[in-house]
C-alpha cells in the first residue's frame, strides 16, 4: 500500500526543505537522476533515452546526452514553464550532436511535450549570446513553426517509461 503524500501546504519551511532532500535522495537511489543537482536535466535525459530506445551518455560527455538505438546523438535540454512566456533553453556549448531534444515541463514538473529538432535547423534558428558566450535557442513561435521541428505529446513521449 502506498503511503499518502503529505499536504505540502501544511509543512513549515524546514519540513518542506527536508521533504525535498528526501525526495532527491530517493531519486538518486532509484537511478532516476544521476547527481544531487537540480533533477530536471537528468529526468529529461532519462525520458528522451527511453523514448528513442537509447542509452545515456557518460556524465562527463559534453557534446550530447543520449545515443539512440540507431546511433543518433541527442543533446537534451529541459524547459520548465515557470512563467507562461518562458522559452529560453540553457546554452548550447557544443554543436557536436545530431539532434536537439527538449522536454517541456509545467511548473509542477508535469511533462507537456517533447520537441525534437535536427542540428541543421538548430544552427539556422539559434543565436549567439554575448552574456553567456554560447549559442542560445528558445522555443519561440518561429522556432516551433519550423517544418523540421517534431513535437511529441506527453502521452506518447512517456509511454516507454511506464
N, C-alpha and C. Protein backbone atom coordinates (compact mmCIF):
# COMPACT_ATOMS: atom_id res chain seq x y z
N UNK A 1 0.84 -1.18 0.00
CA UNK A 1 0.00 0.00 0.00
C UNK A 1 0.88 1.25 0.00
N UNK A 2 0.56 2.20 -0.85
CA UNK A 2 1.33 3.42 -0.98
C UNK A 2 0.98 4.39 0.14
N UNK A 3 2.01 4.94 0.75
CA UNK A 3 1.81 5.94 1.79
C UNK A 3 1.36 7.24 1.14
N UNK A 4 0.31 7.88 1.66
CA UNK A 4 -0.17 9.13 1.04
C UNK A 4 0.89 10.22 1.15
N UNK A 5 0.96 11.05 0.14
CA UNK A 5 1.88 12.17 0.15
C UNK A 5 1.40 13.24 1.13
N UNK A 6 2.32 13.92 1.78
CA UNK A 6 1.89 14.97 2.71
C UNK A 6 1.32 16.16 1.94
N UNK A 7 0.43 16.89 2.58
CA UNK A 7 -0.07 18.14 2.01
C UNK A 7 1.04 19.16 2.20
N UNK A 8 1.73 19.50 1.12
CA UNK A 8 2.91 20.37 1.22
C UNK A 8 2.58 21.72 1.82
N UNK A 9 1.35 22.18 1.66
CA UNK A 9 0.96 23.48 2.20
C UNK A 9 0.97 23.48 3.73
N UNK A 10 0.87 22.31 4.35
CA UNK A 10 0.84 22.24 5.81
C UNK A 10 2.23 22.16 6.43
N UNK A 11 3.26 21.96 5.60
CA UNK A 11 4.62 21.83 6.13
C UNK A 11 5.23 23.20 6.36
N UNK A 12 6.04 23.32 7.43
CA UNK A 12 6.76 24.57 7.61
C UNK A 12 7.97 24.55 6.67
N UNK A 13 8.71 25.64 6.61
CA UNK A 13 9.81 25.74 5.66
C UNK A 13 10.85 24.64 5.85
N UNK A 14 11.24 24.38 7.09
CA UNK A 14 12.25 23.35 7.37
C UNK A 14 11.76 21.97 6.94
N UNK A 15 10.50 21.67 7.20
CA UNK A 15 9.94 20.37 6.81
C UNK A 15 9.86 20.23 5.29
N UNK A 16 9.51 21.32 4.63
CA UNK A 16 9.42 21.30 3.18
C UNK A 16 10.80 21.06 2.55
N UNK A 17 11.82 21.72 3.07
CA UNK A 17 13.19 21.50 2.59
C UNK A 17 13.63 20.07 2.86
N UNK A 18 13.31 19.54 4.03
CA UNK A 18 13.63 18.15 4.37
C UNK A 18 12.94 17.18 3.41
N UNK A 19 11.69 17.45 3.09
CA UNK A 19 10.93 16.61 2.15
C UNK A 19 11.60 16.62 0.77
N UNK A 20 12.03 17.81 0.33
CA UNK A 20 12.72 17.93 -0.95
C UNK A 20 14.02 17.11 -0.92
N UNK A 21 14.76 17.24 0.16
CA UNK A 21 16.01 16.48 0.29
C UNK A 21 15.78 14.98 0.25
N UNK A 22 14.76 14.52 0.96
CA UNK A 22 14.44 13.08 0.96
C UNK A 22 14.02 12.62 -0.43
N UNK A 23 13.29 13.46 -1.13
CA UNK A 23 12.88 13.13 -2.49
C UNK A 23 14.10 13.02 -3.40
N UNK A 24 15.04 13.95 -3.28
CA UNK A 24 16.25 13.91 -4.10
C UNK A 24 17.07 12.65 -3.82
N UNK A 25 17.18 12.25 -2.55
CA UNK A 25 17.90 11.02 -2.21
C UNK A 25 17.22 9.82 -2.86
N UNK A 26 15.91 9.76 -2.78
CA UNK A 26 15.18 8.63 -3.36
C UNK A 26 15.35 8.59 -4.89
N UNK A 27 15.30 9.75 -5.54
CA UNK A 27 15.50 9.80 -6.99
C UNK A 27 16.89 9.30 -7.37
N UNK A 28 17.89 9.68 -6.60
CA UNK A 28 19.27 9.25 -6.84
C UNK A 28 19.42 7.75 -6.61
N UNK A 29 18.86 7.24 -5.51
CA UNK A 29 18.95 5.81 -5.20
C UNK A 29 18.26 4.95 -6.25
N UNK A 30 17.18 5.44 -6.83
CA UNK A 30 16.45 4.68 -7.85
C UNK A 30 17.07 4.81 -9.25
N UNK A 31 18.05 5.68 -9.39
CA UNK A 31 18.68 5.87 -10.69
C UNK A 31 17.89 6.76 -11.62
N UNK A 32 16.90 7.46 -11.11
CA UNK A 32 16.11 8.37 -11.93
C UNK A 32 16.94 9.60 -12.30
N UNK A 33 17.77 10.04 -11.36
CA UNK A 33 18.72 11.12 -11.60
C UNK A 33 20.12 10.58 -11.36
N UNK A 34 21.12 11.28 -11.94
CA UNK A 34 22.49 10.80 -11.83
C UNK A 34 23.35 11.63 -10.88
N UNK A 35 22.78 12.71 -10.36
CA UNK A 35 23.52 13.54 -9.41
C UNK A 35 22.55 14.18 -8.44
N UNK A 36 23.08 14.87 -7.47
CA UNK A 36 22.24 15.55 -6.49
C UNK A 36 21.91 16.98 -6.93
N UNK A 37 22.26 17.33 -8.15
CA UNK A 37 21.94 18.65 -8.68
C UNK A 37 20.46 18.75 -9.00
N UNK A 38 20.04 19.90 -9.51
CA UNK A 38 18.66 20.07 -9.94
C UNK A 38 18.28 18.88 -10.83
N UNK A 39 17.20 18.19 -10.52
CA UNK A 39 16.88 16.94 -11.23
C UNK A 39 16.30 17.10 -12.62
N UNK A 40 15.93 18.29 -13.04
CA UNK A 40 15.25 18.45 -14.33
C UNK A 40 16.05 17.88 -15.49
N UNK A 41 17.32 18.20 -15.58
CA UNK A 41 18.12 17.73 -16.72
C UNK A 41 18.21 16.21 -16.73
N UNK A 42 18.48 15.61 -15.58
CA UNK A 42 18.57 14.15 -15.50
C UNK A 42 17.26 13.48 -15.88
N UNK A 43 16.15 14.04 -15.42
CA UNK A 43 14.83 13.47 -15.73
C UNK A 43 14.56 13.60 -17.23
N UNK A 44 14.85 14.76 -17.81
CA UNK A 44 14.64 14.95 -19.25
C UNK A 44 15.49 13.97 -20.05
N UNK A 45 16.74 13.78 -19.66
CA UNK A 45 17.62 12.85 -20.37
C UNK A 45 17.08 11.43 -20.30
N UNK A 46 16.59 11.04 -19.15
CA UNK A 46 16.03 9.69 -19.00
C UNK A 46 14.78 9.50 -19.86
N UNK A 47 13.93 10.51 -19.90
CA UNK A 47 12.71 10.45 -20.72
C UNK A 47 13.09 10.28 -22.19
N UNK A 48 14.04 11.08 -22.67
CA UNK A 48 14.45 11.02 -24.07
C UNK A 48 15.11 9.68 -24.38
N UNK A 49 16.00 9.22 -23.52
CA UNK A 49 16.66 7.93 -23.75
C UNK A 49 15.64 6.81 -23.86
N UNK A 50 14.66 6.83 -23.00
CA UNK A 50 13.62 5.80 -23.04
C UNK A 50 12.81 5.91 -24.32
N UNK A 51 12.44 7.12 -24.70
CA UNK A 51 11.61 7.34 -25.89
C UNK A 51 12.31 6.87 -27.17
N UNK A 52 13.62 7.15 -27.29
CA UNK A 52 14.34 6.79 -28.52
C UNK A 52 14.98 5.41 -28.44
N UNK A 53 14.74 4.69 -27.33
CA UNK A 53 15.33 3.36 -27.18
C UNK A 53 16.84 3.43 -27.11
N UNK A 54 17.34 4.46 -26.48
CA UNK A 54 18.78 4.71 -26.45
C UNK A 54 19.42 4.55 -25.09
N UNK A 55 20.63 5.02 -25.02
CA UNK A 55 21.44 4.95 -23.80
C UNK A 55 21.89 6.35 -23.40
N UNK A 56 21.97 6.55 -22.09
CA UNK A 56 22.53 7.80 -21.59
C UNK A 56 24.02 7.83 -21.86
N UNK A 57 24.51 8.99 -22.25
CA UNK A 57 25.95 9.17 -22.44
C UNK A 57 26.61 9.23 -21.06
N UNK A 58 27.91 9.06 -21.04
CA UNK A 58 28.66 9.18 -19.79
C UNK A 58 28.42 10.59 -19.22
N UNK A 59 28.38 10.71 -17.90
CA UNK A 59 28.10 12.03 -17.30
C UNK A 59 29.09 13.13 -17.71
N UNK A 60 30.30 12.76 -18.09
CA UNK A 60 31.29 13.77 -18.46
C UNK A 60 31.29 14.09 -19.95
N UNK A 61 30.37 13.50 -20.72
CA UNK A 61 30.25 13.81 -22.16
C UNK A 61 29.67 15.21 -22.32
N UNK A 62 30.40 16.09 -22.98
CA UNK A 62 29.99 17.49 -23.07
C UNK A 62 29.12 17.80 -24.29
N UNK A 63 29.17 16.95 -25.31
CA UNK A 63 28.51 17.29 -26.56
C UNK A 63 27.10 16.75 -26.71
N UNK A 64 26.80 15.63 -26.09
CA UNK A 64 25.47 15.05 -26.21
C UNK A 64 25.15 14.28 -24.94
N UNK A 65 23.86 13.98 -24.76
CA UNK A 65 23.40 13.33 -23.54
C UNK A 65 22.87 11.92 -23.75
N UNK A 66 22.42 11.63 -24.97
CA UNK A 66 21.79 10.34 -25.28
C UNK A 66 22.25 9.89 -26.65
N UNK A 67 22.45 8.59 -26.79
CA UNK A 67 22.65 7.98 -28.11
C UNK A 67 21.47 7.06 -28.36
N UNK A 68 20.75 7.29 -29.46
CA UNK A 68 19.56 6.49 -29.77
C UNK A 68 19.97 5.11 -30.27
N UNK A 69 18.99 4.24 -30.41
CA UNK A 69 19.23 2.87 -30.87
C UNK A 69 19.89 2.86 -32.25
N UNK A 70 19.60 3.88 -33.09
CA UNK A 70 20.19 3.92 -34.44
C UNK A 70 21.50 4.70 -34.49
N UNK A 71 22.02 5.12 -33.32
CA UNK A 71 23.30 5.82 -33.26
C UNK A 71 23.22 7.33 -33.31
N UNK A 72 22.02 7.88 -33.42
CA UNK A 72 21.84 9.33 -33.42
C UNK A 72 22.20 9.88 -32.04
N UNK A 73 23.01 10.95 -32.02
CA UNK A 73 23.35 11.58 -30.74
C UNK A 73 22.42 12.76 -30.50
N UNK A 74 21.91 12.85 -29.28
CA UNK A 74 20.95 13.90 -28.93
C UNK A 74 21.47 14.74 -27.77
N UNK A 75 21.44 16.03 -27.96
CA UNK A 75 21.68 16.99 -26.89
C UNK A 75 20.30 17.23 -26.27
N UNK A 76 20.16 17.00 -24.97
CA UNK A 76 18.86 17.10 -24.31
C UNK A 76 18.83 18.35 -23.43
N UNK A 77 17.76 19.09 -23.56
CA UNK A 77 17.50 20.26 -22.73
C UNK A 77 16.14 20.10 -22.07
N UNK A 78 15.99 20.74 -20.94
CA UNK A 78 14.71 20.74 -20.22
C UNK A 78 14.25 22.19 -20.09
N UNK A 79 12.96 22.39 -20.26
CA UNK A 79 12.38 23.71 -20.08
C UNK A 79 11.19 23.58 -19.15
N UNK A 80 11.30 24.23 -18.00
CA UNK A 80 10.20 24.24 -17.03
C UNK A 80 9.46 25.55 -17.17
N UNK A 81 8.19 25.48 -17.48
CA UNK A 81 7.37 26.67 -17.71
C UNK A 81 6.98 27.32 -16.38
N UNK A 82 7.96 27.96 -15.76
CA UNK A 82 7.69 28.67 -14.51
C UNK A 82 6.90 29.94 -14.78
N UNK A 83 6.98 30.42 -16.01
CA UNK A 83 6.14 31.53 -16.50
C UNK A 83 5.63 31.09 -17.86
N UNK A 84 4.44 31.49 -18.21
CA UNK A 84 3.85 31.04 -19.48
C UNK A 84 4.64 31.51 -20.70
N UNK A 85 5.36 32.62 -20.57
CA UNK A 85 6.12 33.13 -21.71
C UNK A 85 7.58 32.69 -21.70
N UNK A 86 7.94 31.76 -20.85
CA UNK A 86 9.33 31.29 -20.77
C UNK A 86 9.63 30.41 -21.96
N UNK A 87 10.67 30.76 -22.73
CA UNK A 87 11.03 30.00 -23.91
C UNK A 87 12.51 29.61 -23.96
N UNK A 88 13.36 30.30 -23.20
CA UNK A 88 14.80 30.14 -23.31
C UNK A 88 15.32 28.83 -22.73
N UNK A 89 16.24 28.22 -23.46
CA UNK A 89 16.90 27.00 -23.01
C UNK A 89 18.30 27.34 -22.52
N UNK A 90 18.90 26.42 -21.81
CA UNK A 90 20.28 26.64 -21.39
C UNK A 90 21.18 26.65 -22.62
N UNK A 91 22.37 27.16 -22.45
CA UNK A 91 23.30 27.37 -23.56
C UNK A 91 23.70 26.06 -24.25
N UNK A 92 23.94 26.18 -25.55
CA UNK A 92 24.50 25.08 -26.33
C UNK A 92 26.00 25.35 -26.46
N UNK A 93 26.78 24.72 -25.63
CA UNK A 93 28.23 24.99 -25.60
C UNK A 93 29.01 24.18 -26.63
N UNK A 94 28.37 23.16 -27.17
CA UNK A 94 28.99 22.34 -28.21
C UNK A 94 27.91 22.00 -29.23
N UNK A 95 28.29 21.94 -30.48
CA UNK A 95 27.34 21.57 -31.52
C UNK A 95 27.66 20.17 -32.07
N UNK A 96 28.38 19.38 -31.32
CA UNK A 96 28.76 18.03 -31.75
C UNK A 96 27.67 17.02 -31.37
N UNK A 97 26.49 17.21 -31.96
CA UNK A 97 25.37 16.30 -31.76
C UNK A 97 24.57 16.27 -33.06
N UNK A 98 23.69 15.29 -33.19
CA UNK A 98 22.88 15.16 -34.41
C UNK A 98 21.52 15.82 -34.28
N UNK A 99 20.99 15.84 -33.09
CA UNK A 99 19.63 16.32 -32.88
C UNK A 99 19.49 16.93 -31.49
N UNK A 100 18.68 17.98 -31.40
CA UNK A 100 18.35 18.59 -30.12
C UNK A 100 17.00 18.04 -29.68
N UNK A 101 16.93 17.61 -28.43
CA UNK A 101 15.67 17.14 -27.85
C UNK A 101 15.37 18.00 -26.63
N UNK A 102 14.16 18.50 -26.55
CA UNK A 102 13.75 19.33 -25.42
C UNK A 102 12.53 18.70 -24.78
N UNK A 103 12.60 18.52 -23.47
CA UNK A 103 11.42 18.07 -22.73
C UNK A 103 10.87 19.30 -22.02
N UNK A 104 9.59 19.59 -22.29
CA UNK A 104 8.95 20.77 -21.73
C UNK A 104 8.07 20.31 -20.56
N UNK A 105 8.29 20.96 -19.41
CA UNK A 105 7.57 20.63 -18.17
C UNK A 105 6.69 21.80 -17.76
N UNK A 106 5.57 21.49 -17.12
CA UNK A 106 4.78 22.51 -16.41
C UNK A 106 5.58 22.92 -15.17
N UNK A 107 5.14 23.95 -14.49
CA UNK A 107 5.80 24.39 -13.27
C UNK A 107 5.84 23.28 -12.21
N UNK A 108 4.81 22.42 -12.17
CA UNK A 108 4.76 21.34 -11.17
C UNK A 108 5.50 20.08 -11.64
N UNK A 109 6.25 20.17 -12.73
CA UNK A 109 7.06 19.10 -13.32
C UNK A 109 6.25 18.08 -14.12
N UNK A 110 4.98 18.35 -14.38
CA UNK A 110 4.21 17.51 -15.30
C UNK A 110 4.79 17.72 -16.70
N UNK A 111 5.01 16.63 -17.42
CA UNK A 111 5.55 16.74 -18.77
C UNK A 111 4.46 17.22 -19.73
N UNK A 112 4.79 18.24 -20.53
CA UNK A 112 3.88 18.78 -21.53
C UNK A 112 4.12 18.10 -22.88
N UNK A 113 5.39 18.10 -23.32
CA UNK A 113 5.73 17.56 -24.62
C UNK A 113 7.23 17.41 -24.77
N UNK A 114 7.61 16.71 -25.84
CA UNK A 114 9.00 16.65 -26.27
C UNK A 114 9.10 17.35 -27.60
N UNK A 115 10.22 18.00 -27.84
CA UNK A 115 10.46 18.71 -29.09
C UNK A 115 11.79 18.20 -29.63
N UNK A 116 11.77 17.69 -30.87
CA UNK A 116 12.97 17.12 -31.49
C UNK A 116 13.31 17.92 -32.74
N UNK A 117 14.58 18.36 -32.82
CA UNK A 117 14.99 19.26 -33.88
C UNK A 117 16.35 18.82 -34.44
N UNK A 118 16.44 18.62 -35.76
CA UNK A 118 17.73 18.26 -36.32
C UNK A 118 18.75 19.40 -36.17
N UNK A 119 20.00 19.04 -36.07
CA UNK A 119 21.07 20.01 -35.85
C UNK A 119 21.05 21.14 -36.88
N UNK A 120 20.81 20.83 -38.16
CA UNK A 120 20.81 21.86 -39.20
C UNK A 120 19.78 22.95 -38.89
N UNK A 121 18.62 22.56 -38.42
CA UNK A 121 17.59 23.54 -38.07
C UNK A 121 18.02 24.36 -36.85
N UNK A 122 18.61 23.69 -35.87
CA UNK A 122 19.09 24.40 -34.68
C UNK A 122 20.10 25.46 -35.08
N UNK A 123 21.04 25.08 -35.95
CA UNK A 123 22.08 26.03 -36.37
C UNK A 123 21.49 27.25 -37.08
N UNK A 124 20.42 27.05 -37.84
CA UNK A 124 19.78 28.17 -38.53
C UNK A 124 18.98 29.06 -37.58
N UNK A 125 18.42 28.48 -36.54
CA UNK A 125 17.49 29.20 -35.67
C UNK A 125 18.12 29.75 -34.38
N UNK A 126 19.33 29.32 -34.06
CA UNK A 126 19.95 29.76 -32.81
C UNK A 126 20.59 31.14 -32.97
N UNK A 127 20.94 31.71 -31.85
CA UNK A 127 21.64 32.97 -31.84
C UNK A 127 22.78 32.93 -30.84
N UNK A 128 23.73 33.82 -31.00
CA UNK A 128 24.87 33.89 -30.10
C UNK A 128 24.56 34.85 -28.96
N UNK A 129 24.85 34.42 -27.74
CA UNK A 129 24.64 35.26 -26.57
C UNK A 129 25.98 35.77 -26.07
N UNK A 130 26.17 37.08 -26.10
CA UNK A 130 27.40 37.66 -25.56
C UNK A 130 27.48 37.42 -24.06
N UNK A 131 26.33 37.50 -23.40
CA UNK A 131 26.29 37.31 -21.95
C UNK A 131 26.74 35.91 -21.57
N UNK A 132 26.22 34.91 -22.26
CA UNK A 132 26.52 33.51 -21.94
C UNK A 132 27.78 33.02 -22.66
N UNK A 133 28.23 33.77 -23.67
CA UNK A 133 29.35 33.35 -24.51
C UNK A 133 29.09 31.95 -25.07
N UNK A 134 27.89 31.78 -25.59
CA UNK A 134 27.48 30.48 -26.12
C UNK A 134 26.27 30.68 -27.04
N UNK A 135 25.98 29.65 -27.81
CA UNK A 135 24.78 29.64 -28.64
C UNK A 135 23.57 29.43 -27.75
N UNK A 136 22.48 30.14 -28.11
CA UNK A 136 21.23 30.01 -27.36
C UNK A 136 20.09 29.78 -28.34
N UNK A 137 19.11 29.07 -27.88
CA UNK A 137 17.91 28.85 -28.66
C UNK A 137 16.72 28.90 -27.71
N UNK A 138 15.61 29.31 -28.23
CA UNK A 138 14.39 29.36 -27.43
C UNK A 138 13.25 28.70 -28.18
N UNK A 139 12.31 28.18 -27.43
CA UNK A 139 11.13 27.56 -28.05
C UNK A 139 10.10 28.64 -28.37
N UNK A 140 10.50 29.52 -29.27
CA UNK A 140 9.64 30.63 -29.70
C UNK A 140 8.62 30.12 -30.72
N UNK A 141 7.65 30.95 -31.04
CA UNK A 141 6.67 30.58 -32.07
C UNK A 141 7.36 30.27 -33.40
N UNK A 142 8.33 31.12 -33.76
CA UNK A 142 9.08 30.92 -35.01
C UNK A 142 9.80 29.58 -34.99
N UNK A 143 10.47 29.28 -33.89
CA UNK A 143 11.22 28.03 -33.77
C UNK A 143 10.27 26.84 -33.90
N UNK A 144 9.19 26.85 -33.14
CA UNK A 144 8.25 25.73 -33.13
C UNK A 144 7.48 25.58 -34.45
N UNK A 145 7.38 26.66 -35.23
CA UNK A 145 6.67 26.61 -36.51
C UNK A 145 7.52 26.03 -37.64
N UNK A 146 8.81 25.87 -37.41
CA UNK A 146 9.69 25.33 -38.45
C UNK A 146 9.26 23.90 -38.80
N UNK A 147 9.21 23.60 -40.09
CA UNK A 147 8.75 22.28 -40.56
C UNK A 147 9.61 21.12 -40.08
N UNK A 148 10.83 21.39 -39.72
CA UNK A 148 11.74 20.32 -39.28
C UNK A 148 11.57 19.95 -37.81
N UNK A 149 10.83 20.75 -37.08
CA UNK A 149 10.59 20.52 -35.66
C UNK A 149 9.50 19.47 -35.50
N UNK A 150 9.79 18.45 -34.69
CA UNK A 150 8.80 17.40 -34.40
C UNK A 150 8.39 17.54 -32.95
N UNK A 151 7.08 17.71 -32.73
CA UNK A 151 6.55 17.85 -31.37
C UNK A 151 5.85 16.56 -31.00
N UNK A 152 6.23 16.01 -29.85
CA UNK A 152 5.68 14.74 -29.38
C UNK A 152 4.90 15.00 -28.10
N UNK A 153 3.59 14.75 -28.10
CA UNK A 153 2.79 14.98 -26.88
C UNK A 153 3.26 14.08 -25.73
N UNK A 154 3.02 14.55 -24.52
CA UNK A 154 3.48 13.84 -23.32
C UNK A 154 3.03 12.38 -23.29
N UNK A 155 1.78 12.11 -23.67
CA UNK A 155 1.30 10.72 -23.58
C UNK A 155 2.11 9.79 -24.48
N UNK A 156 2.60 10.27 -25.61
CA UNK A 156 3.44 9.46 -26.49
C UNK A 156 4.88 9.41 -25.97
N UNK A 157 5.36 10.53 -25.49
CA UNK A 157 6.74 10.65 -25.02
C UNK A 157 7.00 9.73 -23.82
N UNK A 158 5.99 9.58 -22.97
CA UNK A 158 6.17 8.85 -21.72
C UNK A 158 5.75 7.38 -21.78
N UNK A 159 5.28 6.89 -22.91
CA UNK A 159 4.77 5.52 -22.97
C UNK A 159 5.82 4.48 -22.59
N UNK A 160 7.06 4.72 -22.92
CA UNK A 160 8.10 3.73 -22.62
C UNK A 160 8.60 3.80 -21.19
N UNK A 161 8.21 4.84 -20.44
CA UNK A 161 8.66 4.98 -19.05
C UNK A 161 7.76 4.21 -18.10
N UNK A 162 6.54 3.93 -18.50
CA UNK A 162 5.57 3.35 -17.57
C UNK A 162 5.72 1.87 -17.43
